[in-house]
Amino acid sequence: MARERLGIMRQTSDGFKIAESDLELRGPGEALGARQIGMLQFRAADLARDRLLLKRIPPVANRMLAEQPHQASKLVDRRIGNSTRFAGV
């Protein structure tokens, strides 16, 4: 993995491209934890593979919250439940 990372840095000085390649190589780590390396496992998405699709989620989520708040609450409850570990995010 180190050789691939060095190879990317030889090819470009664009920090965004380096970071994107690093994300693909190492994975994003934990979104809500202390680990900085390794693949974060989402139930429905892969951060590297689905990055373009993930950009479309906030507008859809906001629309659902505005137009169908009861359905949105059911989805949140199913995924998170009453977990308080996400309260500070």
Foldseek 3Di string as FASTA:
>chain_A
DVVVLVVQVVVDPPPVSSVLVCCVVFNQFDPLDDGRTDHDDDPPDGCNVCVVVVVPPPVVLVVCCVPPVVVSVVVCCVVCNPDCSPVVD
